[in-house]
């Protein structure tokens, strides 16, 4: 009899443990198209969102590459909050939510075992300040463009224009910024014509650019006298997008007004560089 009671108790607790440890049935969100909605105030809508970071009912669930489904283990009425993730400074090991994109919230009733297909369109936060926007489309007009050759540069730039050269390798629109190096021109440096009152003390300040190049180039900030290196942009055989955090460099300048520069020193045969859609953003 004692053995029978013991056997019944073991079965009872084993059954309870199985129910306790059983993972709840999941609901899945399947991202489809990922985009960024902009107006003329924001410049280009191009983006390099690589991951989606998400919460359910304010509890962090994880970060998944954009092509992956997002498993939702909650049941019933659920609030899902999704953030757009980027590679900070283009480095895979520094993935994080992009501070200037608004999150997307979904209020839904979770039905276990179902998959919800959804497009995600992110927007810039209303508090964003677009300190510098340059898409080079104004080159050749009275407005001109807002970038010039630095004094230590032994080469100059060209604005590629599909209107005059239909085969020009332009990212979007009809124009982009281009320069090249060779044996007689080994240093290129270009800077913004203006400086900007950017927040310091580690406050978020980012550069966004589209680019294509067959060797790396550097990005930094200047205060009118000194040039401070911030980050290196690696070569990319195809048009790419990068988000570069300028915060540390801006603080180091110790100046009330800060500009941006690009610099390349010849490293390979026939280096070529294409740049488009420059943005400096802060709050």
C-alpha atoms as a PDB file:
ATOM      1  CA  UNK A   1       0.000   0.000   0.000  1.00  0.00           C
ATOM      2  CA  UNK A   2       2.814   2.418   0.898  1.00  0.00           C
ATOM      3  CA  UNK A   3       4.508   1.648  -2.407  1.00  0.00           C
ATOM      4  CA  UNK A   4       1.245   2.331  -4.253  1.00  0.00           C
ATOM      5  CA  UNK A   5       0.767   5.692  -2.534  1.00  0.00           C
ATOM      6  CA  UNK A   6       4.385   6.616  -3.314  1.00  0.00           C
ATOM      7  CA  UNK A   7       3.896   5.661  -6.959  1.00  0.00           C
ATOM      8  CA  UNK A   8       0.721   7.819  -7.203  1.00  0.00           C
ATOM      9  CA  UNK A   9       2.545  10.813  -5.638  1.00  0.00           C
ATOM     10  CA  UNK A  10       5.453  10.481  -8.054  1.00  0.00           C
ATOM     11  CA  UNK A  11       3.038  10.409 -11.000  1.00  0.00           C
ATOM     12  CA  UNK A  12       1.227  13.480  -9.615  1.00  0.00           C
ATOM     13  CA  UNK A  13       4.356  15.599  -9.193  1.00  0.00           C
ATOM     14  CA  UNK A  14       5.797  14.426 -12.518  1.00  0.00           C
ATOM     15  CA  UNK A  15       2.591  15.492 -14.245  1.00  0.00           C
ATOM     16  CA  UNK A  16       2.651  18.886 -12.509  1.00  0.00           C
ATOM     17  CA  UNK A  17       6.293  19.404 -13.498  1.00  0.00           C
ATOM     18  CA  UNK A  18       5.528  18.642 -17.134  1.00  0.00           C
ATOM     19  CA  UNK A  19       2.709  21.182 -17.164  1.00  0.00           C
ATOM     20  CA  UNK A  20       4.837  23.767 -15.345  1.00  0.00           C
ATOM     21  CA  UNK A  21       7.838  23.380 -17.658  1.00  0.00           C
ATOM     22  CA  UNK A  22       5.861  23.195 -20.879  1.00  0.00           C
ATOM     23  CA  UNK A  23       6.571  26.261 -23.036  1.00  0.00           C
ATOM     24  CA  UNK A  24       3.495  28.269 -23.914  1.00  0.00           C
ATOM     25  CA  UNK A  25       2.296  28.034 -27.484  1.00  0.00           C
ATOM     26  CA  UNK A  26       3.720  30.884 -29.547  1.00  0.00           C
ATOM     27  CA  UNK A  27       2.209  33.456 -31.883  1.00  0.00           C
ATOM     28  CA  UNK A  28       4.525  34.696 -34.642  1.00  0.00           C
ATOM     29  CA  UNK A  29       5.016  38.075 -36.302  1.00  0.00           C
ATOM     30  CA  UNK A  30       6.639  37.746 -39.725  1.00  0.00           C
ATOM     31  CA  UNK A  31       8.247  41.032 -40.919  1.00  0.00           C
ATOM     32  CA  UNK A  32       7.726  41.696 -44.617  1.00  0.00           C
ATOM     33  CA  UNK A  33       8.919  45.007 -46.077  1.00  0.00           C
ATOM     34  CA  UNK A  34      11.001  47.259 -43.793  1.00  0.00           C
ATOM     35  CA  UNK A  35      11.066  50.946 -44.731  1.00  0.00           C
ATOM     36  CA  UNK A  36      11.527  54.470 -43.377  1.00  0.00           C
ATOM     37  CA  UNK A  37       8.972  57.164 -44.156  1.00  0.00           C
ATOM     38  CA  UNK A  38      10.383  60.667 -44.670  1.00  0.00           C
ATOM     39  CA  UNK A  39       9.418  64.151 -45.787  1.00  0.00           C
ATOM     40  CA  UNK A  40      11.651  66.787 -47.374  1.00  0.00           C
ATOM     41  CA  UNK A  41      12.626  67.833 -43.847  1.00  0.00           C
ATOM     42  CA  UNK A  42      14.239  64.441 -43.259  1.00  0.00           C
ATOM     43  CA  UNK A  43      16.022  63.911 -46.559  1.00  0.00           C
ATOM     44  CA  UNK A  44      16.403  60.467 -48.128  1.00  0.00           C
ATOM     45  CA  UNK A  45      14.315  57.516 -46.948  1.00  0.00           C
ATOM     46  CA  UNK A  46      17.206  55.078 -47.490  1.00  0.00           C
ATOM     47  CA  UNK A  47      18.051  52.965 -44.449  1.00  0.00           C
ATOM     48  CA  UNK A  48      20.157  50.065 -43.201  1.00  0.00           C
ATOM     49  CA  UNK A  49      17.864  48.584 -40.558  1.00  0.00           C
ATOM     50  CA  UNK A  50      19.347  45.162 -39.851  1.00  0.00           C
ATOM     51  CA  UNK A  51      17.445  43.931 -36.778  1.00  0.00           C
ATOM     52  CA  UNK A  52      14.156  44.302 -34.952  1.00  0.00           C
ATOM     53  CA  UNK A  53      14.280  44.633 -31.157  1.00  0.00           C
ATOM     54  CA  UNK A  54      10.948  43.917 -29.521  1.00  0.00           C
ATOM     55  CA  UNK A  55       9.055  43.897 -26.236  1.00  0.00           C
ATOM     56  CA  UNK A  56       5.761  42.316 -25.250  1.00  0.00           C
ATOM     57  CA  UNK A  57       3.860  44.116 -22.494  1.00  0.00           C
ATOM     58  CA  UNK A  58       7.071  46.076 -21.693  1.00  0.00           C
ATOM     59  CA  UNK A  59       9.156  42.886 -21.279  1.00  0.00           C
ATOM     60  CA  UNK A  60      12.183  42.593 -23.566  1.00  0.00           C
ATOM     61  CA  UNK A  61      11.971  39.515 -25.789  1.00  0.00           C
ATOM     62  CA  UNK A  62      15.058  39.787 -27.974  1.00  0.00           C
ATOM     63  CA  UNK A  63      16.591  41.164 -31.172  1.00  0.00           C
ATOM     64  CA  UNK A  64      16.122  39.287 -34.440  1.00  0.00           C
ATOM     65  CA  UNK A  65      17.476  39.899 -37.962  1.00  0.00           C
ATOM     66  CA  UNK A  66      14.829  41.561 -40.129  1.00  0.00           C
ATOM     67  CA  UNK A  67      14.127  38.403 -42.102  1.00  0.00           C
ATOM     68  CA  UNK A  68      13.319  36.299 -39.028  1.00  0.00           C
ATOM     69  CA  UNK A  69       9.935  35.680 -37.432  1.00  0.00           C
ATOM     70  CA  UNK A  70       9.363  37.194 -33.986  1.00  0.00           C
ATOM     71  CA  UNK A  71       7.932  34.627 -31.549  1.00  0.00           C
ATOM     72  CA  UNK A  72       5.345  36.040 -29.124  1.00  0.00           C
ATOM     73  CA  UNK A  73       4.754  33.794 -26.111  1.00  0.00           C
ATOM     74  CA  UNK A  74       2.103  35.952 -24.419  1.00  0.00           C
ATOM     75  CA  UNK A  75      -1.545  35.014 -24.585  1.00  0.00           C
ATOM     76  CA  UNK A  76      -4.639  37.162 -24.921  1.00  0.00           C
ATOM     77  CA  UNK A  77      -4.444  40.931 -25.350  1.00  0.00           C
ATOM     78  CA  UNK A  78      -0.797  41.907 -25.899  1.00  0.00           C
ATOM     79  CA  UNK A  79       1.087  45.125 -26.652  1.00  0.00           C
ATOM     80  CA  UNK A  80       4.074  44.512 -28.919  1.00  0.00           C
ATOM     81  CA  UNK A  81       6.674  47.297 -29.199  1.00  0.00           C
ATOM     82  CA  UNK A  82       9.223  47.081 -31.990  1.00  0.00           C
ATOM     83  CA  UNK A  83      12.411  49.120 -32.416  1.00  0.00           C
ATOM     84  CA  UNK A  84      14.552  49.441 -35.549  1.00  0.00           C
ATOM     85  CA  UNK A  85      18.065  48.107 -34.989  1.00  0.00           C
ATOM     86  CA  UNK A  86      21.278  49.218 -36.715  1.00  0.00           C
ATOM     87  CA  UNK A  87      24.981  48.373 -36.701  1.00  0.00           C
ATOM     88  CA  UNK A  88      26.512  51.276 -34.813  1.00  0.00           C
ATOM     89  CA  UNK A  89      29.438  52.621 -36.892  1.00  0.00           C
ATOM     90  CA  UNK A  90      28.812  49.740 -39.279  1.00  0.00           C
ATOM     91  CA  UNK A  91      30.180  47.177 -36.793  1.00  0.00           C
ATOM     92  CA  UNK A  92      28.252  43.925 -36.397  1.00  0.00           C
ATOM     93  CA  UNK A  93      29.281  43.567 -32.745  1.00  0.00           C
ATOM     94  CA  UNK A  94      27.686  46.917 -31.834  1.00  0.00           C
ATOM     95  CA  UNK A  95      24.090  46.338 -32.930  1.00  0.00           C
ATOM     96  CA  UNK A  96      21.579  48.535 -31.131  1.00  0.00           C
ATOM     97  CA  UNK A  97      18.209  50.239 -31.578  1.00  0.00           C
ATOM     98  CA  UNK A  98      18.565  53.482 -33.524  1.00  0.00           C
ATOM     99  CA  UNK A  99      17.720  56.297 -31.167  1.00  0.00           C
ATOM    100  CA  UNK A 100      16.257  58.588 -33.849  1.00  0.00           C
ATOM    101  CA  UNK A 101      13.593  56.201 -35.200  1.00  0.00           C
ATOM    102  CA  UNK A 102      10.221  55.976 -33.465  1.00  0.00           C
ATOM    103  CA  UNK A 103       9.182  52.562 -32.212  1.00  0.00           C
ATOM    104  CA  UNK A 104       6.133  50.823 -33.653  1.00  0.00           C
ATOM    105  CA  UNK A 105       3.421  49.549 -31.310  1.00  0.00           C
ATOM    106  CA  UNK A 106       0.967  46.785 -32.074  1.00  0.00           C
ATOM    107  CA  UNK A 107      -2.004  46.086 -29.829  1.00  0.00           C
ATOM    108  CA  UNK A 108      -3.307  42.665 -30.695  1.00  0.00           C
ATOM    109  CA  UNK A 109      -4.885  39.537 -29.315  1.00  0.00           C
ATOM    110  CA  UNK A 110      -2.425  36.676 -29.481  1.00  0.00           C
ATOM    111  CA  UNK A 111      -3.813  33.516 -31.050  1.00  0.00           C
ATOM    112  CA  UNK A 112      -1.397  30.667 -30.397  1.00  0.00           C
ATOM    113  CA  UNK A 113       0.062  28.929 -33.414  1.00  0.00           C
ATOM    114  CA  UNK A 114      -0.773  31.658 -35.945  1.00  0.00           C
ATOM    115  CA  UNK A 115       1.618  33.838 -37.979  1.00  0.00           C
ATOM    116  CA  UNK A 116       0.896  37.509 -38.618  1.00  0.00           C
ATOM    117  CA  UNK A 117       2.588  38.988 -41.730  1.00  0.00           C
ATOM    118  CA  UNK A 118       3.316  42.685 -41.321  1.00  0.00           C
ATOM    119  CA  UNK A 119       5.159  45.508 -43.111  1.00  0.00           C
ATOM    120  CA  UNK A 120       7.061  47.858 -40.807  1.00  0.00           C
ATOM    121  CA  UNK A 121       7.471  51.527 -41.703  1.00  0.00           C
ATOM    122  CA  UNK A 122       9.517  53.526 -39.230  1.00  0.00           C
ATOM    123  CA  UNK A 123       9.587  57.307 -38.881  1.00  0.00           C
ATOM    124  CA  UNK A 124      12.072  59.772 -37.450  1.00  0.00           C
ATOM    125  CA  UNK A 125      11.103  61.104 -34.032  1.00  0.00           C
ATOM    126  CA  UNK A 126       9.537  64.553 -34.060  1.00  0.00           C
ATOM    127  CA  UNK A 127      12.286  65.845 -31.754  1.00  0.00           C
ATOM    128  CA  UNK A 128      15.035  65.106 -34.306  1.00  0.00           C
ATOM    129  CA  UNK A 129      17.067  68.062 -35.570  1.00  0.00           C
ATOM    130  CA  UNK A 130      18.525  67.601 -39.036  1.00  0.00           C
ATOM    131  CA  UNK A 131      21.599  69.743 -38.681  1.00  0.00           C
ATOM    132  CA  UNK A 132      23.030  69.030 -42.138  1.00  0.00           C
ATOM    133  CA  UNK A 133      21.318  67.552 -45.196  1.00  0.00           C
ATOM    134  CA  UNK A 134      23.216  67.261 -48.481  1.00  0.00           C
ATOM    135  CA  UNK A 135      22.064  65.138 -51.409  1.00  0.00           C
ATOM    136  CA  UNK A 136      24.078  67.041 -54.080  1.00  0.00           C
ATOM    137  CA  UNK A 137      20.970  67.571 -56.193  1.00  0.00           C
ATOM    138  CA  UNK A 138      21.460  71.351 -55.872  1.00  0.00           C
ATOM    139  CA  UNK A 139      24.890  71.327 -57.508  1.00  0.00           C
ATOM    140  CA  UNK A 140      24.919  73.602 -60.536  1.00  0.00           C
ATOM    141  CA  UNK A 141      22.151  75.812 -59.166  1.00  0.00           C
ATOM    142  CA  UNK A 142      22.380  79.084 -57.277  1.00  0.00           C
ATOM    143  CA  UNK A 143      22.096  77.136 -54.006  1.00  0.00           C
ATOM    144  CA  UNK A 144      25.213  75.069 -54.796  1.00  0.00           C
ATOM    145  CA  UNK A 145      26.330  72.359 -52.386  1.00  0.00           C
ATOM    146  CA  UNK A 146      27.547  72.529 -48.795  1.00  0.00           C
ATOM    147  CA  UNK A 147      30.879  70.670 -49.008  1.00  0.00           C
ATOM    148  CA  UNK A 148      34.313  71.972 -50.062  1.00  0.00           C
ATOM    149  CA  UNK A 149      37.889  70.768 -50.467  1.00  0.00           C
ATOM    150  CA  UNK A 150      40.057  71.114 -47.353  1.00  0.00           C
ATOM    151  CA  UNK A 151      43.377  72.950 -47.573  1.00  0.00           C
ATOM    152  CA  UNK A 152      45.469  69.768 -47.178  1.00  0.00           C
ATOM    153  CA  UNK A 153      43.732  67.910 -50.027  1.00  0.00           C
ATOM    154  CA  UNK A 154      45.692  67.423 -53.254  1.00  0.00           C
ATOM    155  CA  UNK A 155      42.643  66.309 -55.211  1.00  0.00           C
ATOM    156  CA  UNK A 156      39.211  67.715 -55.812  1.00  0.00           C
ATOM    157  CA  UNK A 157      35.765  66.230 -56.361  1.00  0.00           C
ATOM    158  CA  UNK A 158      33.299  65.757 -59.167  1.00  0.00           C
ATOM    159  CA  UNK A 159      29.516  65.741 -58.997  1.00  0.00           C
ATOM    160  CA  UNK A 160      28.284  62.856 -61.110  1.00  0.00           C
ATOM    161  CA  UNK A 161      25.104  63.741 -62.955  1.00  0.00           C
ATOM    162  CA  UNK A 162      22.854  61.270 -64.757  1.00  0.00           C
ATOM    163  CA  UNK A 163      21.332  64.123 -66.754  1.00  0.00           C
ATOM    164  CA  UNK A 164      24.640  64.608 -68.598  1.00  0.00           C
ATOM    165  CA  UNK A 165      25.956  61.060 -68.162  1.00  0.00           C
ATOM    166  CA  UNK A 166      23.180  58.438 -68.109  1.00  0.00           C
ATOM    167  CA  UNK A 167      25.699  55.770 -67.053  1.00  0.00           C
ATOM    168  CA  UNK A 168      26.793  57.683 -63.940  1.00  0.00           C
ATOM    169  CA  UNK A 169      26.797  55.447 -60.847  1.00  0.00           C
ATOM    170  CA  UNK A 170      24.382  57.441 -58.673  1.00  0.00           C
ATOM    171  CA  UNK A 171      22.604  56.003 -55.635  1.00  0.00           C
ATOM    172  CA  UNK A 172      19.299  57.839 -56.053  1.00  0.00           C
ATOM    173  CA  UNK A 173      18.097  61.028 -57.647  1.00  0.00           C
ATOM    174  CA  UNK A 174      20.356  62.234 -60.449  1.00  0.00           C
ATOM    175  CA  UNK A 175      23.572  63.295 -58.686  1.00  0.00           C
ATOM    176  CA  UNK A 176      26.194  62.172 -56.179  1.00  0.00           C
ATOM    177  CA  UNK A 177      29.625  63.199 -54.874  1.00  0.00           C
ATOM    178  CA  UNK A 178      32.668  61.447 -56.391  1.00  0.00           C
ATOM    179  CA  UNK A 179      36.440  61.627 -56.013  1.00  0.00           C
ATOM    180  CA  UNK A 180      39.414  59.438 -56.923  1.00  0.00           C
ATOM    181  CA  UNK A 181      43.087  59.108 -56.035  1.00  0.00           C
ATOM    182  CA  UNK A 182      46.159  58.132 -58.055  1.00  0.00           C
ATOM    183  CA  UNK A 183      49.963  58.375 -57.897  1.00  0.00           C
ATOM    184  CA  UNK A 184      49.927  62.150 -58.228  1.00  0.00           C
ATOM    185  CA  UNK A 185      46.891  62.724 -55.961  1.00  0.00           C
ATOM    186  CA  UNK A 186      47.250  60.654 -52.807  1.00  0.00           C
ATOM    187  CA  UNK A 187      45.352  62.645 -50.175  1.00  0.00           C
ATOM    188  CA  UNK A 188      41.718  63.713 -50.360  1.00  0.00           C
ATOM    189  CA  UNK A 189      39.924  65.653 -47.660  1.00  0.00           C
ATOM    190  CA  UNK A 190      36.581  67.411 -47.877  1.00  0.00           C
ATOM    191  CA  UNK A 191      34.578  69.238 -45.232  1.00  0.00           C
ATOM    192  CA  UNK A 192      31.229  70.862 -44.636  1.00  0.00           C
ATOM    193  CA  UNK A 193      31.088  74.523 -45.563  1.00  0.00           C
ATOM    194  CA  UNK A 194      29.300  75.244 -42.294  1.00  0.00           C
ATOM    195  CA  UNK A 195      29.706  74.227 -38.677  1.00  0.00           C
ATOM    196  CA  UNK A 196      26.826  73.197 -36.445  1.00  0.00           C
ATOM    197  CA  UNK A 197      25.843  73.742 -32.813  1.00  0.00           C
ATOM    198  CA  UNK A 198      25.834  70.071 -31.806  1.00  0.00           C
ATOM    199  CA  UNK A 199      25.064  68.822 -28.280  1.00  0.00           C
ATOM    200  CA  UNK A 200      27.978  67.496 -26.232  1.00  0.00           C
ATOM    201  CA  UNK A 201      28.466  65.343 -23.153  1.00  0.00           C
ATOM    202  CA  UNK A 202      27.629  62.103 -24.940  1.00  0.00           C
ATOM    203  CA  UNK A 203      24.272  63.292 -26.286  1.00  0.00           C
ATOM    204  CA  UNK A 204      23.229  61.401 -29.441  1.00  0.00           C
ATOM    205  CA  UNK A 205      24.743  62.847 -32.614  1.00  0.00           C
ATOM    206  CA  UNK A 206      24.856  60.706 -35.754  1.00  0.00           C
ATOM    207  CA  UNK A 207      26.041  60.918 -39.316  1.00  0.00           C
ATOM    208  CA  UNK A 208      24.098  58.983 -41.947  1.00  0.00           C
ATOM    209  CA  UNK A 209      25.528  58.499 -45.448  1.00  0.00           C
ATOM    210  CA  UNK A 210      25.147  56.316 -48.496  1.00  0.00           C
ATOM    211  CA  UNK A 211      28.508  55.364 -49.973  1.00  0.00           C
ATOM    212  CA  UNK A 212      30.414  53.084 -52.313  1.00  0.00           C
ATOM    213  CA  UNK A 213      34.222  52.763 -52.390  1.00  0.00           C
ATOM    214  CA  UNK A 214      37.047  50.314 -53.102  1.00  0.00           C
ATOM    215  CA  UNK A 215      39.111  51.329 -50.075  1.00  0.00           C
ATOM    216  CA  UNK A 216      38.337  52.701 -46.628  1.00  0.00           C
ATOM    217  CA  UNK A 217      38.055  56.372 -45.724  1.00  0.00           C
ATOM    218  CA  UNK A 218      37.885  58.254 -42.426  1.00  0.00           C
ATOM    219  CA  UNK A 219      35.178  60.451 -40.957  1.00  0.00           C
ATOM    220  CA  UNK A 220      35.750  63.090 -38.317  1.00  0.00           C
ATOM    221  CA  UNK A 221      34.784  66.485 -36.950  1.00  0.00           C
ATOM    222  CA  UNK A 222      36.583  69.824 -36.881  1.00  0.00           C
ATOM    223  CA  UNK A 223      36.240  72.992 -34.856  1.00  0.00           C
ATOM    224  CA  UNK A 224      37.777  75.430 -37.324  1.00  0.00           C
ATOM    225  CA  UNK A 225      41.351  74.706 -36.174  1.00  0.00           C
ATOM    226  CA  UNK A 226      41.761  71.018 -35.367  1.00  0.00           C
ATOM    227  CA  UNK A 227      40.464  67.863 -37.037  1.00  0.00           C
ATOM    228  CA  UNK A 228      39.341  64.992 -34.791  1.00  0.00           C
ATOM    229  CA  UNK A 229      39.084  61.456 -36.161  1.00  0.00           C
ATOM    230  CA  UNK A 230      35.844  59.624 -35.301  1.00  0.00           C
ATOM    231  CA  UNK A 231      35.477  56.445 -37.360  1.00  0.00           C
ATOM    232  CA  UNK A 232      36.606  54.527 -40.445  1.00  0.00           C
ATOM    233  CA  UNK A 233      34.207  53.511 -43.206  1.00  0.00           C
ATOM    234  CA  UNK A 234      35.314  50.231 -44.790  1.00  0.00           C
ATOM    235  CA  UNK A 235      35.294  49.546 -48.517  1.00  0.00           C
ATOM    236  CA  UNK A 236      32.032  48.427 -50.084  1.00  0.00           C
ATOM    237  CA  UNK A 237      31.790  47.332 -53.744  1.00  0.00           C
ATOM    238  CA  UNK A 238      28.076  48.168 -53.790  1.00  0.00           C
ATOM    239  CA  UNK A 239      26.141  51.165 -52.521  1.00  0.00           C
ATOM    240  CA  UNK A 240      25.769  50.857 -48.764  1.00  0.00           C
ATOM    241  CA  UNK A 241      24.382  52.840 -45.825  1.00  0.00           C
ATOM    242  CA  UNK A 242      26.095  53.514 -42.501  1.00  0.00           C
ATOM    243  CA  UNK A 243      25.179  55.204 -39.202  1.00  0.00           C
ATOM    244  CA  UNK A 244      28.221  56.759 -37.513  1.00  0.00           C
ATOM    245  CA  UNK A 245      28.021  57.991 -33.935  1.00  0.00           C
ATOM    246  CA  UNK A 246      29.761  61.387 -33.717  1.00  0.00           C
ATOM    247  CA  UNK A 247      29.053  62.019 -30.022  1.00  0.00           C
ATOM    248  CA  UNK A 248      32.558  61.385 -28.636  1.00  0.00           C
ATOM    249  CA  UNK A 249      34.282  63.403 -31.351  1.00  0.00           C
ATOM    250  CA  UNK A 250      31.892  66.325 -30.955  1.00  0.00           C
ATOM    251  CA  UNK A 251      32.588  66.430 -27.204  1.00  0.00           C
ATOM    252  CA  UNK A 252      36.365  66.217 -27.721  1.00  0.00           C
ATOM    253  CA  UNK A 253      36.415  69.294 -29.960  1.00  0.00           C
ATOM    254  CA  UNK A 254      35.384  71.474 -26.997  1.00  0.00           C
ATOM    255  CA  UNK A 255      33.893  73.944 -29.441  1.00  0.00           C
ATOM    256  CA  UNK A 256      30.460  75.502 -29.579  1.00  0.00           C
ATOM    257  CA  UNK A 257      30.237  74.818 -33.301  1.00  0.00           C
ATOM    258  CA  UNK A 258      31.477  71.704 -35.098  1.00  0.00           C
ATOM    259  CA  UNK A 259      31.837  70.681 -38.747  1.00  0.00           C
ATOM    260  CA  UNK A 260      32.309  67.334 -40.483  1.00  0.00           C
ATOM    261  CA  UNK A 261      35.097  66.062 -42.736  1.00  0.00           C
ATOM    262  CA  UNK A 262      35.930  63.021 -44.868  1.00  0.00           C
ATOM    263  CA  UNK A 263      39.538  61.966 -45.496  1.00  0.00           C
ATOM    264  CA  UNK A 264      41.159  59.281 -47.666  1.00  0.00           C
ATOM    265  CA  UNK A 265      44.837  58.470 -48.207  1.00  0.00           C
ATOM    266  CA  UNK A 266      45.710  56.253 -51.171  1.00  0.00           C
ATOM    267  CA  UNK A 267      46.064  52.590 -50.145  1.00  0.00           C
ATOM    268  CA  UNK A 268      45.118  50.602 -53.268  1.00  0.00           C
ATOM    269  CA  UNK A 269      45.395  51.018 -57.010  1.00  0.00           C
ATOM    270  CA  UNK A 270      42.869  53.473 -58.418  1.00  0.00           C
ATOM    271  CA  UNK A 271      40.839  54.277 -55.284  1.00  0.00           C
ATOM    272  CA  UNK A 272      37.353  55.598 -56.025  1.00  0.00           C
ATOM    273  CA  UNK A 273      34.763  57.003 -53.648  1.00  0.00           C
ATOM    274  CA  UNK A 274      31.065  57.769 -54.088  1.00  0.00           C
ATOM    275  CA  UNK A 275      29.014  59.544 -51.388  1.00  0.00           C
ATOM    276  CA  UNK A 276      25.362  60.570 -51.247  1.00  0.00           C
ATOM    277  CA  UNK A 277      22.664  61.691 -48.800  1.00  0.00           C
ATOM    278  CA  UNK A 278      24.745  63.163 -45.975  1.00  0.00           C
ATOM    279  CA  UNK A 279      22.778  63.733 -42.770  1.00  0.00           C
ATOM    280  CA  UNK A 280      23.864  64.944 -39.340  1.00  0.00           C
ATOM    281  CA  UNK A 281      21.113  64.364 -36.779  1.00  0.00           C
ATOM    282  CA  UNK A 282      20.755  65.244 -33.100  1.00  0.00           C
ATOM    283  CA  UNK A 283      18.021  66.125 -30.630  1.00  0.00           C
END
